[in-house]
Amino acid sequence: MAQQDGLETPPSLPEHRTTTMEKGHFCMAHCICGWRGPARRARSQARTDAEKHATG
């Protein structure tokens, strides 16, 4: 069975779906589990916060 890159969550990790939302000059990461990251001015940092949450 062929694996599709980036479309499936590894079975050993709990499912976390993160998004980023902008509010004014700030961007924040949110997850379906209820977690929220700190407000960041840099979108890239908010995405990094979301990635760390999903893998950590």
C-alpha atoms as a PDB file:
ATOM      1  CA  MET A   1       0.000   0.000   0.000  1.00  0.00           C
ATOM      2  CA  ALA A   2       1.492   3.373  -1.029  1.00  0.00           C
ATOM      3  CA  GLN A   3       1.895   6.084   1.587  1.00  0.00           C
ATOM      4  CA  GLN A   4       0.786   9.619   0.756  1.00  0.00           C
ATOM      5  CA  ASP A   5       3.211  12.196   2.105  1.00  0.00           C
ATOM      6  CA  GLY A   6       1.784  14.538   4.720  1.00  0.00           C
ATOM      7  CA  LEU A   7      -1.831  13.356   4.504  1.00  0.00           C
ATOM      8  CA  GLU A   8      -1.928  10.809   7.294  1.00  0.00           C
ATOM      9  CA  THR A   9      -1.170  11.140  10.998  1.00  0.00           C
ATOM     10  CA  PRO A  10       1.208   8.446  12.269  1.00  0.00           C
ATOM     11  CA  PRO A  11      -0.803   6.021  14.433  1.00  0.00           C
ATOM     12  CA  SER A  12       1.527   6.436  17.439  1.00  0.00           C
ATOM     13  CA  LEU A  13       0.727  10.172  17.772  1.00  0.00           C
ATOM     14  CA  PRO A  14      -2.562  11.547  19.124  1.00  0.00           C
ATOM     15  CA  GLU A  15      -4.438  13.569  16.548  1.00  0.00           C
ATOM     16  CA  HIS A  16      -3.924  17.313  16.719  1.00  0.00           C
ATOM     17  CA  ARG A  17      -5.173  19.614  13.999  1.00  0.00           C
ATOM     18  CA  THR A  18      -3.712  23.064  14.295  1.00  0.00           C
ATOM     19  CA  THR A  19      -4.520  26.287  12.515  1.00  0.00           C
ATOM     20  CA  THR A  20      -3.334  29.844  12.815  1.00  0.00           C
ATOM     21  CA  MET A  21      -5.606  32.845  13.204  1.00  0.00           C
ATOM     22  CA  GLU A  22      -4.777  36.499  12.830  1.00  0.00           C
ATOM     23  CA  LYS A  23      -6.125  39.205  15.077  1.00  0.00           C
ATOM     24  CA  GLY A  24      -4.855  42.665  14.325  1.00  0.00           C
ATOM     25  CA  HIS A  25      -1.052  42.604  14.191  1.00  0.00           C
ATOM     26  CA  PHE A  26      -0.828  39.229  15.922  1.00  0.00           C
ATOM     27  CA  CYS A  27      -1.080  35.593  14.855  1.00  0.00           C
ATOM     28  CA  MET A  28      -1.991  32.720  17.187  1.00  0.00           C
ATOM     29  CA  ALA A  29      -1.946  28.958  16.798  1.00  0.00           C
ATOM     30  CA  HIS A  30      -5.025  26.957  17.844  1.00  0.00           C
ATOM     31  CA  CYS A  31      -5.658  23.215  18.083  1.00  0.00           C
ATOM     32  CA  ILE A  32      -8.855  21.149  18.053  1.00  0.00           C
ATOM     33  CA  CYS A  33      -7.875  19.795  21.494  1.00  0.00           C
ATOM     34  CA  GLY A  34      -8.373  23.282  22.999  1.00  0.00           C
ATOM     35  CA  TRP A  35      -4.720  24.336  23.151  1.00  0.00           C
ATOM     36  CA  ARG A  36      -3.867  27.917  22.177  1.00  0.00           C
ATOM     37  CA  GLY A  37      -0.422  29.297  21.570  1.00  0.00           C
ATOM     38  CA  PRO A  38       0.773  32.756  22.542  1.00  0.00           C
ATOM     39  CA  ALA A  39       0.113  35.753  20.311  1.00  0.00           C
ATOM     40  CA  ARG A  40       3.021  36.283  17.935  1.00  0.00           C
ATOM     41  CA  ARG A  41       3.862  39.067  15.527  1.00  0.00           C
ATOM     42  CA  ALA A  42       5.553  36.613  13.158  1.00  0.00           C
ATOM     43  CA  ARG A  43       3.311  34.074  11.404  1.00  0.00           C
ATOM     44  CA  SER A  44       6.289  31.744  11.094  1.00  0.00           C
ATOM     45  CA  GLN A  45       6.678  31.650  14.889  1.00  0.00           C
ATOM     46  CA  ALA A  46       2.975  30.850  15.359  1.00  0.00           C
ATOM     47  CA  ARG A  47       3.346  27.983  12.870  1.00  0.00           C
ATOM     48  CA  THR A  48       6.407  26.757  14.804  1.00  0.00           C
ATOM     49  CA  ASP A  49       4.369  26.854  18.050  1.00  0.00           C
ATOM     50  CA  ALA A  50       1.669  24.750  16.365  1.00  0.00           C
ATOM     51  CA  GLU A  51       4.202  22.246  15.033  1.00  0.00           C
ATOM     52  CA  LYS A  52       5.821  21.855  18.474  1.00  0.00           C
ATOM     53  CA  HIS A  53       2.407  21.299  20.048  1.00  0.00           C
ATOM     54  CA  ALA A  54       1.398  18.659  17.506  1.00  0.00           C
ATOM     55  CA  THR A  55       4.651  16.716  17.877  1.00  0.00           C
ATOM     56  CA  GLY A  56       5.376  17.291  21.548  1.00  0.00           C
END
